[in-house]
């Protein structure tokens, strides 16, 4: 057969008559076999080509044939999942199995929707319901409380590692389980105050942490209750705190102004005092390290996580040597864990190898809900209690409570 230039599909065989039907096809070389692929031996698609209908594409030996064989299912990595998250997933599987069995036993009349499955018709809805069920069982529990108030400084000079987010959500989780918690906002941005629903932007003339540090105002004049959570209180900050780094320079005992304020305050009415620090190693952070007894370091599960950590540890050693010998690193919290990346797992493992048992077993995953919650003046546990972020922070707070309590587990 002679060569025939074409502009579209190749010639093909009319199945009813068996005659070759001229088509507008791609140019052909020589006497090319015009038998369509649908007429190939045993009706099989040539190996190494991806097929769609009777057309072909791909390169021999490298293509994929949809439908010829199913790819192996991808298993999501369990790295970074807290026991609470796994419990939620197991509950979801049990729920789905029970729902399937019930549906097979009793079928609703045609055109009707079963009331038991009306709100659970999607996998997302079933997962959310399972997570909320697990969370509901935990919220009613009262966790072990420490024998004395624990003053925990949350610090890391690297920005964006989750200091404020961790302070707010750990405080909320502890308060929801029977503890009385005070959050001291020592960051001039005042994000912790915002997340707890404290309207601090229009209170420039009201006493805040800035006036406590610079003017010696008593702490009990600035502490306010969080409006939506019982047992949770805040010492708010405003942008005026940004000037404290300069205002404190000429003052006597400038590094221990916060500690003296806390010592004069009846902090034993609280079970926990969490101090949120700015992303720096200036006088505000030094005041927080001097005023705290424990140090919690949030570490982001990314490449720069350990950059500058040695500088923070050196500052901690200086504070212990000269200002606060009782300070100790009690907790390392891994944040912003992305289970899709190998790097996150490597950073987490490196931190665990270096710090050992100081690292909480629970890690905090990346979560959109965690980022959205502060814009509503809420913690993620209030905003979306069934989200992965809420479950992870609840489990992390539970670990912290168990570690600091005498006599054991909840």
Protein backbone atom coordinates (compact mmCIF):
# COMPACT_ATOMS: atom_id res chain seq x y z
CA UNK A 1 0.00 0.00 0.00
CA UNK A 2 1.30 3.44 -0.86
CA UNK A 3 2.10 6.11 1.61
CA UNK A 4 -0.81 8.43 2.36
CA UNK A 5 -0.41 11.64 4.33
CA UNK A 6 -3.01 12.23 6.98
CA UNK A 7 -4.26 14.78 9.44
CA UNK A 8 -5.98 12.75 12.19
CA UNK A 9 -6.93 9.17 12.99
CA UNK A 10 -5.39 6.32 10.91
CA UNK A 11 -7.28 4.15 8.42
CA UNK A 12 -9.38 1.43 9.97
CA UNK A 13 -11.40 -1.67 9.10
CA UNK A 14 -15.19 -1.48 8.96
CA UNK A 15 -16.24 -4.34 11.24
CA UNK A 16 -19.60 -4.88 9.44
CA UNK A 17 -18.19 -5.15 5.89
CA UNK A 18 -14.54 -5.98 6.59
CA UNK A 19 -13.44 -3.32 4.09
CA UNK A 20 -10.63 -0.81 4.70
CA UNK A 21 -12.08 2.64 5.28
CA UNK A 22 -9.87 5.54 4.30
CA UNK A 23 -9.09 7.82 7.19
CA UNK A 24 -7.25 11.06 7.64
CA UNK A 25 -4.32 9.67 9.57
CA UNK A 26 -0.76 10.43 10.51
CA UNK A 27 1.77 9.84 7.68
CA UNK A 28 2.63 6.19 7.33
CA UNK A 29 5.84 4.61 6.10
CA UNK A 30 5.73 1.77 3.59
CA UNK A 31 3.18 -1.03 3.72
CA UNK A 32 1.96 -0.50 7.27
CA UNK A 33 -0.49 -2.92 8.77
CA UNK A 34 -3.84 -1.17 9.02
CA UNK A 35 -5.37 -3.66 11.41
CA UNK A 36 -6.68 -1.61 14.33
CA UNK A 37 -5.49 -2.33 17.84
CA UNK A 38 -8.93 -3.58 18.73
CA UNK A 39 -8.31 -6.43 16.25
CA UNK A 40 -4.89 -7.38 17.59
CA UNK A 41 -4.43 -10.99 18.75
CA UNK A 42 -6.67 -11.90 21.68
CA UNK A 43 -7.84 -8.27 21.77
CA UNK A 44 -4.93 -7.35 24.03
CA UNK A 45 -3.37 -3.92 24.27
CA UNK A 46 0.32 -3.97 23.34
CA UNK A 47 2.56 -4.10 26.36
CA UNK A 48 4.13 -0.87 27.48
CA UNK A 49 1.42 1.49 26.18
CA UNK A 50 -1.24 3.43 28.00
CA UNK A 51 -4.54 2.89 26.25
CA UNK A 52 -7.76 4.83 26.08
CA UNK A 53 -10.40 3.29 23.77
CA UNK A 54 -8.73 2.30 20.52
CA UNK A 55 -6.01 4.94 20.57
CA UNK A 56 -2.52 4.56 21.95
CA UNK A 57 0.03 6.83 23.57
CA UNK A 58 3.21 6.44 25.52
CA UNK A 59 6.54 4.86 24.86
CA UNK A 60 7.05 1.15 24.60
CA UNK A 61 8.43 -0.40 27.74
CA UNK A 62 7.70 2.60 29.92
CA UNK A 63 3.95 3.23 29.72
CA UNK A 64 1.21 2.29 32.15
CA UNK A 65 -1.92 0.39 31.13
CA UNK A 66 -4.89 1.58 33.21
CA UNK A 67 -7.11 -1.31 34.15
CA UNK A 68 -4.52 -3.93 33.15
CA UNK A 69 -3.37 -4.18 36.75
CA UNK A 70 -4.07 -2.16 39.85
CA UNK A 71 -1.19 -0.34 41.54
CA UNK A 72 -0.31 -1.30 45.08
CA UNK A 73 -2.26 0.83 47.56
CA UNK A 74 -0.31 3.62 49.24
CA UNK A 75 -0.12 3.33 52.98
CA UNK A 76 0.01 6.61 54.85
CA UNK A 77 2.98 6.89 57.15
CA UNK A 78 2.19 6.61 60.82
CA UNK A 79 5.14 8.85 61.63
CA UNK A 80 3.90 11.86 63.54
CA UNK A 81 0.50 10.46 64.46
CA UNK A 82 -0.31 10.66 68.16
CA UNK A 83 -1.99 7.76 69.95
CA UNK A 84 -5.15 9.86 70.09
CA UNK A 85 -5.16 10.32 66.33
CA UNK A 86 -4.64 6.61 65.78
CA UNK A 87 -7.47 5.89 68.22
CA UNK A 88 -9.71 8.18 66.20
CA UNK A 89 -8.80 6.39 62.99
CA UNK A 90 -9.45 3.00 64.56
CA UNK A 91 -12.81 4.24 65.79
CA UNK A 92 -13.58 5.37 62.26
CA UNK A 93 -12.81 1.91 60.86
CA UNK A 94 -15.00 0.24 63.49
CA UNK A 95 -17.78 2.69 62.81
CA UNK A 96 -17.55 2.08 59.05
CA UNK A 97 -17.58 -1.69 59.50
CA UNK A 98 -20.64 -1.53 61.77
CA UNK A 99 -22.40 0.81 59.37
CA UNK A 100 -21.74 -1.53 56.43
CA UNK A 101 -23.05 -4.54 58.35
CA UNK A 102 -26.19 -2.66 59.40
CA UNK A 103 -26.84 -1.51 55.85
CA UNK A 104 -26.51 -5.07 54.53
CA UNK A 105 -28.97 -6.34 57.14
CA UNK A 106 -31.67 -3.68 56.87
CA UNK A 107 -32.17 -1.83 53.58
CA UNK A 108 -34.42 1.27 53.60
CA UNK A 109 -37.29 1.48 51.10
CA UNK A 110 -36.45 2.76 47.64
CA UNK A 111 -36.00 6.54 47.51
CA UNK A 112 -35.49 6.92 51.28
CA UNK A 113 -32.27 7.74 53.13
CA UNK A 114 -31.47 5.89 56.31
CA UNK A 115 -31.44 8.29 59.27
CA UNK A 116 -28.40 6.55 60.76
CA UNK A 117 -26.28 7.34 57.70
CA UNK A 118 -27.77 10.69 56.68
CA UNK A 119 -25.04 12.64 58.46
CA UNK A 120 -22.29 10.12 57.85
CA UNK A 121 -22.47 9.62 54.11
CA UNK A 122 -18.88 10.67 53.35
CA UNK A 123 -15.50 9.40 54.61
CA UNK A 124 -14.68 12.92 55.85
CA UNK A 125 -17.89 13.07 57.87
CA UNK A 126 -17.20 9.63 59.36
CA UNK A 127 -13.63 10.60 60.28
CA UNK A 128 -14.81 13.84 61.92
CA UNK A 129 -17.49 12.01 63.89
CA UNK A 130 -14.96 9.42 65.09
CA UNK A 131 -12.47 12.10 66.14
CA UNK A 132 -15.14 14.04 68.01
CA UNK A 133 -16.22 10.86 69.79
CA UNK A 134 -12.67 10.22 71.02
CA UNK A 135 -12.24 13.88 72.02
CA UNK A 136 -15.54 13.81 73.89
CA UNK A 137 -14.39 10.88 75.97
CA UNK A 138 -11.19 12.72 76.93
CA UNK A 139 -12.69 16.15 77.73
CA UNK A 140 -14.60 14.80 80.70
CA UNK A 141 -11.42 13.51 82.34
CA UNK A 142 -9.51 15.45 84.99
CA UNK A 143 -5.79 15.12 84.43
CA UNK A 144 -3.28 14.84 87.29
CA UNK A 145 -2.41 18.23 88.76
CA UNK A 146 1.06 19.21 89.97
CA UNK A 147 1.79 19.51 93.68
CA UNK A 148 2.95 23.11 93.13
CA UNK A 149 2.61 25.67 90.36
CA UNK A 150 4.80 24.88 87.34
CA UNK A 151 6.25 27.98 85.66
CA UNK A 152 7.12 26.97 82.09
CA UNK A 153 8.91 29.29 79.67
CA UNK A 154 8.25 28.58 75.98
CA UNK A 155 11.22 29.92 74.04
CA UNK A 156 13.11 29.60 70.78
CA UNK A 157 14.79 32.58 69.14
CA UNK A 158 13.83 31.26 65.70
CA UNK A 159 10.57 32.77 64.51
CA UNK A 160 7.63 30.78 63.17
CA UNK A 161 8.26 27.56 65.08
CA UNK A 162 4.95 27.59 66.98
CA UNK A 163 5.80 29.21 70.33
CA UNK A 164 2.62 31.25 70.67
CA UNK A 165 0.45 28.57 69.06
CA UNK A 166 1.81 25.97 71.45
CA UNK A 167 1.43 28.24 74.49
CA UNK A 168 -2.22 28.99 73.72
CA UNK A 169 -3.31 25.47 72.76
CA UNK A 170 -1.43 23.69 75.53
CA UNK A 171 -2.93 26.15 78.01
CA UNK A 172 -6.42 25.57 76.60
CA UNK A 173 -6.03 21.78 76.75
CA UNK A 174 -4.82 21.89 80.36
CA UNK A 175 -7.64 24.25 81.36
CA UNK A 176 -10.24 21.98 79.71
CA UNK A 177 -9.06 19.13 81.91
CA UNK A 178 -9.31 20.77 85.30
CA UNK A 179 -6.09 22.79 85.64
CA UNK A 180 -5.93 26.53 86.34
CA UNK A 181 -3.57 28.14 83.84
CA UNK A 182 -2.08 31.62 83.42
CA UNK A 183 -0.52 32.66 80.09
CA UNK A 184 1.98 35.51 80.35
CA UNK A 185 2.24 37.17 76.94
CA UNK A 186 5.81 38.48 76.69
CA UNK A 187 5.75 38.96 72.91
CA UNK A 188 5.19 42.58 71.74
CA UNK A 189 3.03 41.27 68.89
CA UNK A 190 0.47 40.19 71.47
CA UNK A 191 -0.62 37.16 69.48
CA UNK A 192 -1.24 35.02 72.55
CA UNK A 193 -3.58 37.68 73.90
CA UNK A 194 -5.44 37.76 70.59
CA UNK A 195 -5.79 33.97 70.45
CA UNK A 196 -7.28 33.94 73.95
CA UNK A 197 -9.89 36.51 72.98
CA UNK A 198 -8.37 39.41 74.95
CA UNK A 199 -9.01 42.76 73.27
CA UNK A 200 -5.64 44.32 74.01
CA UNK A 201 -5.25 46.60 70.97
CA UNK A 202 -7.56 49.28 72.39
CA UNK A 203 -6.14 49.18 75.90
CA UNK A 204 -2.95 51.16 75.46
CA UNK A 205 -3.64 53.07 78.67
CA UNK A 206 -4.47 49.95 80.67
CA UNK A 207 -1.76 48.17 82.66
CA UNK A 208 -0.10 45.33 80.76
CA UNK A 209 3.05 43.25 80.99
CA UNK A 210 4.97 46.32 79.83
CA UNK A 211 3.91 48.34 82.88
CA UNK A 212 4.72 45.37 85.12
CA UNK A 213 8.29 45.26 83.80
CA UNK A 214 9.00 48.98 83.58
CA UNK A 215 6.82 50.58 86.28
CA UNK A 216 6.54 47.77 88.80
CA UNK A 217 2.75 47.47 88.52
CA UNK A 218 1.54 44.35 90.43
CA UNK A 219 0.58 41.33 88.32
CA UNK A 220 -2.87 41.07 89.87
CA UNK A 221 -3.79 44.39 88.23
CA UNK A 222 -3.24 43.08 84.71
CA UNK A 223 -4.36 39.44 84.81
CA UNK A 224 -7.72 38.92 83.09
CA UNK A 225 -9.82 35.83 82.49
CA UNK A 226 -10.13 34.37 79.00
CA UNK A 227 -13.74 35.06 77.99
CA UNK A 228 -14.60 31.63 76.55
CA UNK A 229 -12.65 29.17 78.69
CA UNK A 230 -12.96 28.72 82.45
CA UNK A 231 -9.75 28.22 84.43
CA UNK A 232 -7.72 30.09 81.79
CA UNK A 233 -6.21 33.55 82.43
CA UNK A 234 -3.90 35.90 80.57
CA UNK A 235 -1.43 38.69 81.36
CA UNK A 236 -1.83 40.59 78.06
CA UNK A 237 0.76 42.44 76.01
CA UNK A 238 0.54 45.39 73.63
CA UNK A 239 2.92 46.87 71.07
CA UNK A 240 4.27 49.11 73.81
CA UNK A 241 6.21 46.05 75.01
CA UNK A 242 8.51 46.49 72.01
CA UNK A 243 10.05 49.46 73.78
CA UNK A 244 10.84 47.43 76.88
CA UNK A 245 14.10 46.18 75.38
CA UNK A 246 15.41 49.77 75.50
CA UNK A 247 13.59 50.93 78.62
CA UNK A 248 14.99 48.05 80.70
CA UNK A 249 18.63 48.75 79.82
CA UNK A 250 19.37 51.35 82.55
CA UNK A 251 17.28 49.62 85.23
CA UNK A 252 18.72 47.77 88.19
CA UNK A 253 18.25 43.97 88.05
CA UNK A 254 16.77 44.34 84.58
CA UNK A 255 17.02 40.61 83.87
CA UNK A 256 14.86 39.59 86.84
CA UNK A 257 11.98 42.09 86.67
CA UNK A 258 9.46 39.44 85.65
CA UNK A 259 10.63 36.98 88.29
CA UNK A 260 10.18 39.53 91.05
CA UNK A 261 6.69 40.32 89.77
CA UNK A 262 5.75 36.63 89.75
CA UNK A 263 7.22 36.08 93.22
CA UNK A 264 5.13 38.96 94.57
CA UNK A 265 2.04 37.53 92.90
CA UNK A 266 0.07 34.61 94.36
CA UNK A 267 0.90 32.26 91.50
CA UNK A 268 0.10 29.23 93.65
CA UNK A 269 -3.55 29.79 92.77
CA UNK A 270 -2.58 28.37 89.38
CA UNK A 271 -1.35 24.93 88.39
CA UNK A 272 0.61 26.24 85.39
CA UNK A 273 2.10 29.57 84.34
CA UNK A 274 3.11 29.51 80.66
CA UNK A 275 5.36 32.36 79.49
CA UNK A 276 5.24 33.08 75.75
CA UNK A 277 8.49 34.63 74.47
CA UNK A 278 9.34 36.78 71.44
CA UNK A 279 11.54 35.32 68.65
CA UNK A 280 14.78 36.75 70.00
CA UNK A 281 17.34 36.37 72.77
CA UNK A 282 16.94 39.92 74.10
CA UNK A 283 16.04 41.15 77.57
CA UNK A 284 12.43 39.97 77.31
CA UNK A 285 13.49 36.38 76.67
CA UNK A 286 16.16 36.59 79.39
CA UNK A 287 13.46 37.83 81.79
CA UNK A 288 11.31 34.84 80.84
CA UNK A 289 14.19 32.40 81.36
CA UNK A 290 15.00 33.99 84.71
CA UNK A 291 11.37 33.90 85.81
CA UNK A 292 10.70 30.30 84.76
CA UNK A 293 11.57 26.99 86.34
CA UNK A 294 11.16 24.86 83.24
CA UNK A 295 11.93 25.50 79.58
CA UNK A 296 9.81 24.12 76.75
CA UNK A 297 11.47 24.43 73.33
CA UNK A 298 9.27 24.09 70.23
CA UNK A 299 11.30 22.80 67.29
CA UNK A 300 9.99 22.96 63.76
CA UNK A 301 10.46 19.77 61.72
CA UNK A 302 12.31 21.48 58.88
CA UNK A 303 15.85 22.06 57.69
CA UNK A 304 16.61 25.17 59.76
CA UNK A 305 15.14 23.69 62.94
CA UNK A 306 18.49 23.13 64.62
CA UNK A 307 20.04 26.35 63.28
CA UNK A 308 20.62 28.64 66.24
CA UNK A 309 19.55 26.04 68.79
CA UNK A 310 23.09 25.90 70.13
CA UNK A 311 22.90 29.66 70.76
CA UNK A 312 19.71 29.21 72.74
CA UNK A 313 21.26 26.43 74.81
CA UNK A 314 24.30 28.62 75.46
CA UNK A 315 22.02 31.41 76.69
CA UNK A 316 20.24 28.92 78.95
CA UNK A 317 23.58 27.89 80.45
CA UNK A 318 24.45 31.54 81.11
CA UNK A 319 21.12 32.16 82.81
CA UNK A 320 21.57 29.05 84.96
CA UNK A 321 25.08 30.12 85.94
CA UNK A 322 24.31 33.73 86.85
CA UNK A 323 20.58 34.34 87.24
CA UNK A 324 18.44 31.24 87.72
CA UNK A 325 20.19 28.05 88.81
CA UNK A 326 16.85 26.21 89.05
CA UNK A 327 16.09 26.54 85.33
CA UNK A 328 16.02 23.26 83.43
CA UNK A 329 14.99 22.10 79.98
CA UNK A 330 12.02 19.87 80.68
CA UNK A 331 10.27 19.48 77.31
CA UNK A 332 11.03 19.47 73.59
CA UNK A 333 7.96 19.74 71.36
CA UNK A 334 8.20 18.88 67.65
CA UNK A 335 5.90 21.13 65.62
CA UNK A 336 4.74 21.57 62.00
CA UNK A 337 5.39 17.94 61.18
CA UNK A 338 4.63 17.07 57.55
CA UNK A 339 4.35 13.30 57.19
CA UNK A 340 4.58 13.59 53.40
CA UNK A 341 8.26 14.57 53.53
CA UNK A 342 11.27 12.46 54.42
CA UNK A 343 13.00 15.56 55.79
CA UNK A 344 10.45 15.95 58.60
CA UNK A 345 11.06 12.38 59.77
CA UNK A 346 14.83 12.88 59.62
CA UNK A 347 14.71 16.10 61.65
CA UNK A 348 12.42 14.48 64.22
CA UNK A 349 14.75 11.51 64.56
CA UNK A 350 17.80 13.76 64.88
CA UNK A 351 16.14 15.74 67.68
CA UNK A 352 15.14 12.55 69.48
CA UNK A 353 18.67 11.17 69.20
CA UNK A 354 20.09 14.35 70.74
CA UNK A 355 17.53 15.14 73.47
CA UNK A 356 16.24 11.67 74.27
CA UNK A 357 13.33 11.50 76.71
CA UNK A 358 12.94 15.27 76.83
CA UNK A 359 11.14 15.04 73.47
CA UNK A 360 7.41 14.44 73.73
CA UNK A 361 6.23 11.34 71.89
CA UNK A 362 3.42 13.39 70.37
CA UNK A 363 4.32 15.66 67.47
CA UNK A 364 2.20 18.54 66.17
CA UNK A 365 1.27 18.17 62.49
CA UNK A 366 0.79 20.99 60.03
CA UNK A 367 -2.86 21.98 60.22
CA UNK A 368 -4.88 24.70 58.53
CA UNK A 369 -7.28 24.71 61.47
CA UNK A 370 -4.47 25.63 63.86
CA UNK A 371 -3.70 28.69 61.72
CA UNK A 372 -7.35 29.72 61.39
CA UNK A 373 -8.33 29.51 65.06
CA UNK A 374 -6.64 32.74 66.34
CA UNK A 375 -8.61 34.89 63.88
CA UNK A 376 -11.73 33.85 65.83
CA UNK A 377 -10.11 34.56 69.20
CA UNK A 378 -10.08 30.87 70.02
CA UNK A 379 -7.72 27.98 70.52
CA UNK A 380 -7.90 25.18 67.96
CA UNK A 381 -9.52 22.99 70.62
CA UNK A 382 -12.50 25.36 70.65
CA UNK A 383 -12.47 26.18 66.95
CA UNK A 384 -12.32 22.60 65.63
CA UNK A 385 -11.96 20.00 68.40
CA UNK A 386 -11.96 17.13 65.89
CA UNK A 387 -9.04 18.41 63.81
CA UNK A 388 -5.63 16.75 63.79
CA UNK A 389 -4.08 19.83 65.41
CA UNK A 390 -6.56 19.81 68.30
CA UNK A 391 -6.06 16.10 68.89
CA UNK A 392 -2.27 16.45 68.82
CA UNK A 393 -2.16 19.40 71.24
CA UNK A 394 -4.54 17.59 73.58
CA UNK A 395 -2.25 14.56 73.63
CA UNK A 396 0.88 16.71 74.07
CA UNK A 397 -0.70 18.56 77.02
CA UNK A 398 -1.66 15.22 78.54
CA UNK A 399 1.97 14.11 78.35
CA UNK A 400 3.13 17.32 80.03
CA UNK A 401 0.56 16.90 82.79
CA UNK A 402 1.62 13.31 83.46
CA UNK A 403 5.31 14.17 83.51
CA UNK A 404 4.89 16.91 86.11
CA UNK A 405 2.39 15.22 88.39
CA UNK A 406 3.27 13.13 91.39
CA UNK A 407 1.80 9.70 91.60
CA UNK A 408 1.23 8.81 88.09
CA UNK A 409 -1.14 8.63 85.28
CA UNK A 410 -4.58 9.89 84.53
